[in-house]
Amino acid sequence: MSKRRPASPDESPSPDAPRSEEAEEARLFYERLEQTGQIADIKSDAELPHLPSRVTHVRRPDGTIQRIGFS
């Protein structure tokens, strides 16, 4: 069994790598929600109980996305 030597600064993973992977996963997740009709764009005064039951997420006017129907 060989000992692992510490990584040099040149070998360490980029701090942006995990974030870009997570961003890509999030993008694909929200894209899938749009394809299946599970996300709805709403106005600030929207009444959430009136949304179809398949809607699990809402996109607010400021661009934020919120999961709904779960407590």
N, C-alpha and C. Protein backbone atom coordinates (compact mmCIF):
# COMPACT_ATOMS: atom_id res chain seq x y z
N MET A 1 0.84 -1.18 0.00
CA MET A 1 0.00 0.00 0.00
C MET A 1 0.89 1.24 0.00
N SER A 2 0.73 2.10 -0.96
CA SER A 2 1.57 3.29 -1.05
C SER A 2 0.91 4.45 -0.33
N LYS A 3 1.77 5.28 0.24
CA LYS A 3 1.24 6.48 0.90
C LYS A 3 0.95 7.53 -0.14
N ARG A 4 -0.09 8.25 0.08
CA ARG A 4 -0.46 9.31 -0.85
C ARG A 4 0.22 10.60 -0.43
N ARG A 5 0.90 11.22 -1.36
CA ARG A 5 1.56 12.48 -1.03
C ARG A 5 0.55 13.62 -1.17
N PRO A 6 0.73 14.68 -0.40
CA PRO A 6 -0.19 15.83 -0.52
C PRO A 6 -0.10 16.43 -1.91
N ALA A 7 -1.20 16.90 -2.39
CA ALA A 7 -1.24 17.52 -3.72
C ALA A 7 -0.55 18.87 -3.68
N SER A 8 0.17 19.15 -4.72
CA SER A 8 0.79 20.47 -4.83
C SER A 8 -0.29 21.46 -5.28
N PRO A 9 -0.06 22.75 -5.12
CA PRO A 9 -1.06 23.73 -5.55
C PRO A 9 -1.44 23.58 -7.02
N ASP A 10 -0.49 23.12 -7.85
CA ASP A 10 -0.78 22.93 -9.27
C ASP A 10 -1.72 21.75 -9.52
N GLU A 11 -1.77 20.80 -8.59
CA GLU A 11 -2.58 19.61 -8.76
C GLU A 11 -3.93 19.69 -8.08
N SER A 12 -4.13 20.67 -7.24
CA SER A 12 -5.40 20.75 -6.51
C SER A 12 -6.53 21.11 -7.46
N PRO A 13 -7.71 20.56 -7.20
CA PRO A 13 -8.84 20.87 -8.09
C PRO A 13 -9.22 22.34 -8.01
N SER A 14 -9.71 22.82 -9.09
CA SER A 14 -10.15 24.21 -9.14
C SER A 14 -11.33 24.42 -8.20
N PRO A 15 -11.35 25.50 -7.43
CA PRO A 15 -12.50 25.75 -6.55
C PRO A 15 -13.79 25.98 -7.33
N ASP A 16 -13.67 26.31 -8.61
CA ASP A 16 -14.87 26.52 -9.43
C ASP A 16 -15.45 25.22 -9.97
N ALA A 17 -14.67 24.16 -9.98
CA ALA A 17 -15.13 22.90 -10.57
C ALA A 17 -16.41 22.37 -9.92
N PRO A 18 -16.47 22.22 -8.58
CA PRO A 18 -17.72 21.70 -8.00
C PRO A 18 -18.91 22.62 -8.27
N ARG A 19 -18.69 23.91 -8.21
CA ARG A 19 -19.79 24.85 -8.43
C ARG A 19 -20.33 24.72 -9.84
N SER A 20 -19.47 24.58 -10.83
CA SER A 20 -19.95 24.48 -12.20
C SER A 20 -20.69 23.17 -12.42
N GLU A 21 -20.23 22.09 -11.76
CA GLU A 21 -20.96 20.82 -11.83
C GLU A 21 -22.34 20.97 -11.20
N GLU A 22 -22.39 21.61 -10.04
CA GLU A 22 -23.68 21.81 -9.36
C GLU A 22 -24.59 22.70 -10.19
N ALA A 23 -24.02 23.72 -10.80
CA ALA A 23 -24.82 24.62 -11.63
C ALA A 23 -25.40 23.87 -12.82
N GLU A 24 -24.61 22.99 -13.42
CA GLU A 24 -25.08 22.21 -14.55
C GLU A 24 -26.19 21.25 -14.12
N GLU A 25 -26.02 20.62 -12.96
CA GLU A 25 -27.06 19.72 -12.44
C GLU A 25 -28.35 20.49 -12.17
N ALA A 26 -28.22 21.67 -11.59
CA ALA A 26 -29.41 22.50 -11.32
C ALA A 26 -30.08 22.91 -12.62
N ARG A 27 -29.29 23.30 -13.61
CA ARG A 27 -29.86 23.70 -14.89
C ARG A 27 -30.65 22.55 -15.52
N LEU A 28 -30.08 21.37 -15.49
CA LEU A 28 -30.76 20.20 -16.05
C LEU A 28 -32.03 19.87 -15.26
N PHE A 29 -31.97 20.01 -13.94
CA PHE A 29 -33.13 19.75 -13.10
C PHE A 29 -34.28 20.70 -13.44
N TYR A 30 -33.99 22.00 -13.53
CA TYR A 30 -35.02 22.98 -13.83
C TYR A 30 -35.52 22.84 -15.27
N GLU A 31 -34.64 22.45 -16.17
CA GLU A 31 -35.05 22.20 -17.55
C GLU A 31 -36.06 21.04 -17.59
N ARG A 32 -35.80 20.02 -16.82
CA ARG A 32 -36.72 18.87 -16.75
C ARG A 32 -38.05 19.29 -16.14
N LEU A 33 -38.03 20.13 -15.12
CA LEU A 33 -39.27 20.63 -14.53
C LEU A 33 -40.10 21.37 -15.58
N GLU A 34 -39.43 22.18 -16.42
CA GLU A 34 -40.14 22.91 -17.47
C GLU A 34 -40.74 21.96 -18.49
N GLN A 35 -39.99 20.93 -18.87
CA GLN A 35 -40.46 19.97 -19.86
C GLN A 35 -41.69 19.20 -19.37
N THR A 36 -41.75 18.94 -18.07
CA THR A 36 -42.85 18.15 -17.52
C THR A 36 -43.99 19.00 -16.98
N GLY A 37 -43.84 20.32 -17.06
CA GLY A 37 -44.90 21.21 -16.57
C GLY A 37 -44.96 21.31 -15.06
N GLN A 38 -43.88 20.99 -14.39
CA GLN A 38 -43.86 21.03 -12.93
C GLN A 38 -43.40 22.37 -12.37
N ILE A 39 -43.06 23.32 -13.24
CA ILE A 39 -42.66 24.64 -12.79
C ILE A 39 -43.56 25.66 -13.47
N ALA A 40 -43.96 26.68 -12.72
CA ALA A 40 -44.83 27.71 -13.28
C ALA A 40 -44.25 29.08 -12.97
N ASP A 41 -44.28 29.96 -13.97
CA ASP A 41 -43.90 31.35 -13.76
C ASP A 41 -45.10 32.05 -13.15
N ILE A 42 -44.87 32.76 -12.06
CA ILE A 42 -45.99 33.42 -11.37
C ILE A 42 -45.71 34.90 -11.20
N LYS A 43 -46.79 35.65 -10.98
CA LYS A 43 -46.68 37.06 -10.63
C LYS A 43 -46.58 37.14 -9.12
N SER A 44 -46.17 38.28 -8.62
CA SER A 44 -45.97 38.42 -7.18
C SER A 44 -47.27 38.24 -6.39
N ASP A 45 -48.42 38.50 -7.02
CA ASP A 45 -49.69 38.39 -6.29
C ASP A 45 -50.43 37.08 -6.59
N ALA A 46 -49.75 36.09 -7.14
CA ALA A 46 -50.38 34.82 -7.51
C ALA A 46 -50.84 34.06 -6.28
N GLU A 47 -51.95 33.36 -6.43
CA GLU A 47 -52.46 32.52 -5.36
C GLU A 47 -52.03 31.09 -5.63
N LEU A 48 -51.10 30.61 -4.85
CA LEU A 48 -50.51 29.30 -5.08
C LEU A 48 -51.50 28.14 -5.03
N PRO A 49 -52.52 28.17 -4.17
CA PRO A 49 -53.46 27.04 -4.16
C PRO A 49 -54.23 26.86 -5.47
N HIS A 50 -54.24 27.86 -6.31
CA HIS A 50 -54.97 27.77 -7.58
C HIS A 50 -54.13 27.18 -8.72
N LEU A 51 -52.89 26.86 -8.45
CA LEU A 51 -52.04 26.25 -9.48
C LEU A 51 -52.43 24.78 -9.67
N PRO A 52 -52.20 24.23 -10.86
CA PRO A 52 -52.47 22.81 -11.08
C PRO A 52 -51.66 21.94 -10.12
N SER A 53 -52.18 20.78 -9.80
CA SER A 53 -51.52 19.91 -8.82
C SER A 53 -50.15 19.41 -9.28
N ARG A 54 -49.90 19.36 -10.58
CA ARG A 54 -48.60 18.88 -11.07
C ARG A 54 -47.48 19.89 -10.81
N VAL A 55 -47.82 21.15 -10.53
CA VAL A 55 -46.80 22.19 -10.31
C VAL A 55 -46.19 22.00 -8.93
N THR A 56 -44.88 21.76 -8.91
CA THR A 56 -44.16 21.56 -7.65
C THR A 56 -43.19 22.70 -7.35
N HIS A 57 -42.93 23.55 -8.34
CA HIS A 57 -42.00 24.67 -8.18
C HIS A 57 -42.58 25.90 -8.87
N VAL A 58 -42.27 27.07 -8.35
CA VAL A 58 -42.68 28.32 -8.98
C VAL A 58 -41.46 29.20 -9.20
N ARG A 59 -41.49 29.97 -10.30
CA ARG A 59 -40.44 30.94 -10.59
C ARG A 59 -41.06 32.31 -10.38
N ARG A 60 -40.53 33.04 -9.44
CA ARG A 60 -41.03 34.39 -9.10
C ARG A 60 -40.49 35.42 -10.10
N PRO A 61 -41.10 36.61 -10.14
CA PRO A 61 -40.67 37.64 -11.09
C PRO A 61 -39.19 38.02 -10.98
N ASP A 62 -38.61 37.88 -9.77
CA ASP A 62 -37.19 38.22 -9.60
C ASP A 62 -36.26 37.09 -10.03
N GLY A 63 -36.84 35.97 -10.51
CA GLY A 63 -36.04 34.86 -11.01
C GLY A 63 -35.78 33.75 -10.01
N THR A 64 -36.14 33.97 -8.76
CA THR A 64 -35.93 32.92 -7.76
C THR A 64 -36.93 31.79 -7.98
N ILE A 65 -36.51 30.59 -7.66
CA ILE A 65 -37.35 29.42 -7.80
C ILE A 65 -37.60 28.85 -6.41
N GLN A 66 -38.86 28.49 -6.16
CA GLN A 66 -39.26 27.99 -4.85
C GLN A 66 -40.04 26.69 -5.02
N ARG A 67 -39.71 25.73 -4.20
CA ARG A 67 -40.48 24.49 -4.18
C ARG A 67 -41.73 24.73 -3.36
N ILE A 68 -42.86 24.25 -3.84
CA ILE A 68 -44.12 24.51 -3.14
C ILE A 68 -44.83 23.20 -2.82
N GLY A 69 -45.77 23.28 -1.93
CA GLY A 69 -46.62 22.14 -1.62
C GLY A 69 -46.04 21.18 -0.60
N PHE A 70 -44.91 21.51 -0.03
CA PHE A 70 -44.30 20.64 0.96
C PHE A 70 -43.99 21.47 2.20
N SER A 71 -44.23 20.87 3.35
CA SER A 71 -43.90 21.60 4.59
C SER A 71 -43.08 20.75 5.51
